[in-house]
Amino acid sequence: MNILKRLTSISIISILVIGFMGYGDEAPAGGLHKKVADAYGFHSFGKVEQIRFTFNVQIGDRNVVRSWIWHPKTHGVTFLGDGKKETSVSYNRNDLTTNPAEKLKKIDARFINDQYWLLFPLHLVWDDKAKIENTGPQKLPMGEGTGYRLVVTYPPTGGYTPGDSYELFIDKDNRISHWVFHRGGSPKPTRTTTWEDHRYFGPLTISLNHRGSDDKFRLWFTGVAVKLTGSDQWVEAE
């Protein structure tokens, strides 16, 4: 499928896991993927009541904007619109099995995509069905240098787009510096991007900017903020 058509119908990067519902903040020690998750705030995620963010992507001359508010403890999601018209849709991900409306499924597929870009490091622990392999230091897929390479492979069945895999390149601070996405586990990379502009949002660390190997692709986040337990104030970037 043409990438721009795929963009409007489902997502920029296809995410397979529809059923990730447990967002705990406890995990056994050990393993580079767990150190990466913790570097992004995994062990403090239980303090987060709400996250708001706007997902922006540019592919060639096409731009997509989607805004969200997510309540991770209750699994509530509000789609605030795509910048083209006034739209607001609220739903609970727990209800998707009993309310499988096609429109809602399309909205949720986009939410999954956008949220994975925002918080993929935490999914290294959340998504316990994913297979994760540490292949040691490898040359970066873009630019100079090396990073520890983690290969994350999702199961061949289940979710929106099963079988996706990712190569993550980890820096000395246990942060992702680059990733390579393989749709459906294809040997040929589907998309290679940087992970840049890491900012602190309360207990979370989030990468706000992702660049492709040329000027035709950029993905970034704006309006990111979190609300923490016991507070009505939005915490923005430090």
Protein backbone atom coordinates (compact mmCIF):
# COMPACT_ATOMS: atom_id res chain seq x y z
CA MET A 1 0.00 0.00 0.00
CA ASN A 2 1.22 3.49 -0.83
CA ILE A 3 2.65 5.07 2.34
CA LEU A 4 0.53 8.21 2.04
CA LYS A 5 -2.66 6.20 1.66
CA ARG A 6 -1.60 4.10 4.63
CA LEU A 7 -1.01 7.30 6.56
CA THR A 8 -4.60 8.45 6.24
CA SER A 9 -6.22 5.06 6.67
CA ILE A 10 -4.24 3.72 9.61
CA SER A 11 -0.85 5.06 10.65
CA ILE A 12 2.68 6.16 9.83
CA ILE A 13 4.17 3.17 11.57
CA SER A 14 1.90 0.18 11.95
CA ILE A 15 1.57 -0.91 15.55
CA LEU A 16 0.31 -4.38 16.24
CA VAL A 17 -0.62 -4.38 19.90
CA ILE A 18 -4.27 -3.47 20.48
CA GLY A 19 -4.45 -5.25 23.79
CA PHE A 20 -1.83 -3.51 25.89
CA MET A 21 -3.90 -2.64 28.94
CA GLY A 22 -1.57 -3.06 31.90
CA TYR A 23 0.65 -0.09 32.65
CA GLY A 24 2.42 -1.18 35.79
CA ASP A 25 5.53 0.41 37.21
CA GLU A 26 7.15 -2.73 38.53
CA ALA A 27 9.63 -4.86 36.59
CA PRO A 28 12.46 -7.19 37.55
CA ALA A 29 15.96 -5.77 37.35
CA GLY A 30 18.35 -6.66 34.57
CA GLY A 31 18.34 -6.57 30.79
CA LEU A 32 19.24 -3.60 28.61
CA HIS A 33 15.63 -3.15 27.46
CA LYS A 34 14.55 -2.66 31.09
CA LYS A 35 17.32 -0.11 31.62
CA VAL A 36 16.10 1.75 28.54
CA ALA A 37 12.51 1.72 29.82
CA ASP A 38 13.64 3.04 33.18
CA ALA A 39 15.70 5.81 31.51
CA TYR A 40 12.43 7.05 30.05
CA GLY A 41 10.55 6.94 33.37
CA PHE A 42 9.09 3.45 33.54
CA HIS A 43 9.37 3.09 37.30
CA SER A 44 7.58 6.41 37.87
CA PHE A 45 4.81 5.96 35.31
CA GLY A 46 2.34 5.08 38.06
CA LYS A 47 2.35 8.76 39.04
CA VAL A 48 0.92 9.79 35.66
CA GLU A 49 -2.84 10.44 35.51
CA GLN A 50 -3.07 12.07 32.07
CA ILE A 51 -0.87 12.74 29.07
CA ARG A 52 -1.68 15.20 26.32
CA PHE A 53 0.23 15.43 23.07
CA THR A 54 -0.01 16.44 19.44
CA PHE A 55 1.48 14.09 16.86
CA ASN A 56 2.90 15.80 13.76
CA VAL A 57 4.40 14.16 10.70
CA GLN A 58 5.60 15.42 7.35
CA ILE A 59 6.13 13.07 4.42
CA GLY A 60 7.18 14.98 1.35
CA ASP A 61 4.63 17.78 0.94
CA ARG A 62 2.00 16.07 3.08
CA ASN A 63 1.40 16.95 6.73
CA VAL A 64 -0.64 15.13 9.37
CA VAL A 65 -1.57 16.51 12.81
CA ARG A 66 -3.47 14.60 15.53
CA SER A 67 -4.07 15.69 19.14
CA TRP A 68 -4.85 13.40 22.08
CA ILE A 69 -5.44 13.18 25.81
CA TRP A 70 -4.81 9.77 27.36
CA HIS A 71 -5.79 8.52 30.83
CA PRO A 72 -3.50 5.49 31.26
CA LYS A 73 -4.96 4.31 34.58
CA THR A 74 -8.54 4.16 33.30
CA HIS A 75 -7.64 3.53 29.62
CA GLY A 76 -9.68 6.54 28.54
CA VAL A 77 -8.74 8.27 25.29
CA THR A 78 -9.91 11.58 23.83
CA PHE A 79 -9.16 12.37 20.20
CA LEU A 80 -9.12 16.16 19.96
CA GLY A 81 -8.98 16.36 16.18
CA ASP A 82 -6.65 16.47 13.23
CA GLY A 83 -6.43 20.23 12.74
CA LYS A 84 -8.74 20.14 9.70
CA LYS A 85 -12.07 20.39 11.48
CA GLU A 86 -13.49 20.54 14.96
CA THR A 87 -13.57 16.96 16.19
CA SER A 88 -13.65 15.43 19.65
CA VAL A 89 -14.22 11.73 20.30
CA SER A 90 -13.84 10.10 23.72
CA TYR A 91 -13.81 6.37 24.34
CA ASN A 92 -12.38 3.74 26.66
CA ARG A 93 -10.04 1.12 25.27
CA ASN A 94 -11.61 -1.47 27.57
CA ASP A 95 -14.84 -1.08 25.58
CA LEU A 96 -13.38 -1.81 22.15
CA THR A 97 -14.34 -5.48 22.28
CA THR A 98 -17.99 -4.65 23.00
CA ASN A 99 -18.17 -1.57 20.74
CA PRO A 100 -16.25 -2.55 17.60
CA ALA A 101 -17.52 0.38 15.51
CA GLU A 102 -15.37 0.81 12.43
CA LYS A 103 -14.88 4.54 13.02
CA LEU A 104 -13.76 3.91 16.59
CA LYS A 105 -11.35 1.19 15.50
CA LYS A 106 -9.76 3.55 12.98
CA ILE A 107 -9.36 6.25 15.63
CA ASP A 108 -7.87 3.75 18.06
CA ALA A 109 -5.42 2.46 15.45
CA ARG A 110 -4.14 6.00 15.03
CA PHE A 111 -3.95 6.50 18.78
CA ILE A 112 -1.90 3.31 19.14
CA ASN A 113 0.46 4.46 16.41
CA ASP A 114 0.95 7.93 17.85
CA GLN A 115 1.27 6.75 21.44
CA TYR A 116 3.88 4.16 20.47
CA TRP A 117 6.02 6.87 18.88
CA LEU A 118 5.67 8.87 22.10
CA LEU A 119 6.30 6.10 24.62
CA PHE A 120 7.85 3.16 22.78
CA PRO A 121 10.65 2.71 25.38
CA LEU A 122 8.06 1.87 28.03
CA HIS A 123 6.52 -0.74 25.77
CA LEU A 124 9.79 -2.65 25.98
CA VAL A 125 8.49 -3.79 29.37
CA TRP A 126 4.73 -3.36 28.93
CA ASP A 127 4.55 -5.61 25.87
CA ASP A 128 5.60 -8.88 27.43
CA LYS A 129 4.78 -10.91 24.31
CA ALA A 130 7.42 -9.13 22.26
CA LYS A 131 10.72 -10.93 21.73
CA ILE A 132 13.75 -8.76 22.51
CA GLU A 133 17.32 -9.63 21.51
CA ASN A 134 20.47 -7.71 22.47
CA THR A 135 22.95 -8.07 19.60
CA GLY A 136 25.67 -5.91 21.16
CA PRO A 137 27.42 -2.83 19.71
CA GLN A 138 26.61 -2.16 16.04
CA LYS A 139 27.20 0.66 13.57
CA LEU A 140 24.44 3.25 13.62
CA PRO A 141 22.06 3.13 10.65
CA MET A 142 22.53 6.87 10.09
CA GLY A 143 25.64 8.95 10.68
CA GLU A 144 28.80 7.91 12.49
CA GLY A 145 29.27 5.91 15.66
CA THR A 146 27.87 2.79 17.26
CA GLY A 147 25.13 1.83 19.69
CA TYR A 148 23.92 -1.28 21.42
CA ARG A 149 21.37 -2.85 19.09
CA LEU A 150 18.13 -4.28 20.45
CA VAL A 151 15.88 -6.19 18.04
CA VAL A 152 12.22 -6.13 19.09
CA THR A 153 9.90 -8.58 17.29
CA TYR A 154 6.15 -8.77 17.81
CA PRO A 155 4.09 -11.99 17.43
CA PRO A 156 2.87 -12.98 13.95
CA THR A 157 -0.79 -12.84 14.99
CA GLY A 158 -3.01 -10.42 16.88
CA GLY A 159 -3.46 -6.67 16.88
CA TYR A 160 -3.69 -4.26 13.96
CA THR A 161 -0.55 -5.24 12.03
CA PRO A 162 1.12 -8.36 13.40
CA GLY A 163 4.74 -9.31 12.96
CA ASP A 164 6.30 -5.84 13.01
CA SER A 165 9.91 -5.61 14.18
CA TYR A 166 12.24 -2.82 15.25
CA GLU A 167 15.97 -2.33 15.57
CA LEU A 168 16.76 0.07 18.41
CA PHE A 169 20.22 1.62 18.80
CA ILE A 170 20.95 2.55 22.40
CA ASP A 171 23.42 5.22 23.53
CA LYS A 172 25.57 5.42 26.67
CA ASP A 173 22.68 6.97 28.63
CA ASN A 174 20.39 4.02 27.83
CA ARG A 175 18.37 6.18 25.47
CA ILE A 176 17.34 5.38 21.90
CA SER A 177 19.39 7.33 19.36
CA HIS A 178 18.00 5.66 16.20
CA TRP A 179 15.48 3.03 15.24
CA VAL A 180 14.72 0.99 12.14
CA PHE A 181 11.15 -0.18 11.56
CA HIS A 182 10.34 -3.33 9.56
CA ARG A 183 6.64 -3.59 8.72
CA GLY A 184 5.46 -7.17 9.13
CA GLY A 185 9.03 -8.26 9.83
CA SER A 186 10.15 -7.47 6.28
CA PRO A 187 13.92 -7.89 5.79
CA LYS A 188 14.00 -4.52 4.03
CA PRO A 189 13.62 -1.54 6.40
CA THR A 190 10.37 0.38 6.09
CA ARG A 191 11.54 3.50 7.93
CA THR A 192 14.75 4.61 9.65
CA THR A 193 14.71 7.64 11.94
CA THR A 194 16.59 9.40 14.70
CA TRP A 195 15.40 9.87 18.28
CA GLU A 196 16.29 13.44 19.23
CA ASP A 197 15.42 16.35 21.53
CA HIS A 198 14.85 14.41 24.74
CA ARG A 199 12.94 16.47 27.31
CA TYR A 200 11.75 15.88 30.88
CA PHE A 201 8.00 15.96 31.58
CA GLY A 202 7.70 15.36 35.29
CA PRO A 203 8.95 11.78 35.82
CA LEU A 204 8.96 10.96 32.09
CA THR A 205 11.63 11.50 29.46
CA ILE A 206 10.27 11.86 25.92
CA SER A 207 11.98 12.25 22.55
CA LEU A 208 10.17 15.03 20.69
CA ASN A 209 11.83 14.88 17.27
CA HIS A 210 12.49 12.13 14.74
CA ARG A 211 14.20 12.68 11.37
CA GLY A 212 14.47 10.32 8.44
CA SER A 213 17.52 9.68 6.31
CA ASP A 214 16.53 12.52 3.95
CA ASP A 215 14.49 15.72 4.07
CA LYS A 216 11.29 13.95 3.01
CA PHE A 217 10.35 12.65 6.46
CA ARG A 218 10.08 14.26 9.87
CA LEU A 219 7.91 13.34 12.86
CA TRP A 220 7.63 15.48 15.98
CA PHE A 221 5.50 16.18 19.04
CA THR A 222 4.09 19.45 20.30
CA GLY A 223 1.88 20.39 23.23
CA VAL A 224 3.18 17.54 25.36
CA ALA A 225 2.32 17.69 29.07
CA VAL A 226 1.42 15.35 31.92
CA LYS A 227 -0.83 15.55 34.96
CA LEU A 228 0.40 13.73 38.03
CA THR A 229 -1.54 12.09 40.83
CA GLY A 230 -2.92 14.66 43.26
CA SER A 231 -2.43 17.65 40.96
CA ASP A 232 -4.64 19.55 38.53
CA GLN A 233 -1.68 21.25 36.86
CA TRP A 234 -0.19 20.24 33.54
CA VAL A 235 3.56 19.64 33.73
CA GLU A 236 5.30 20.75 30.54
CA ALA A 237 8.87 20.33 29.36
CA GLU A 238 11.76 21.26 31.61
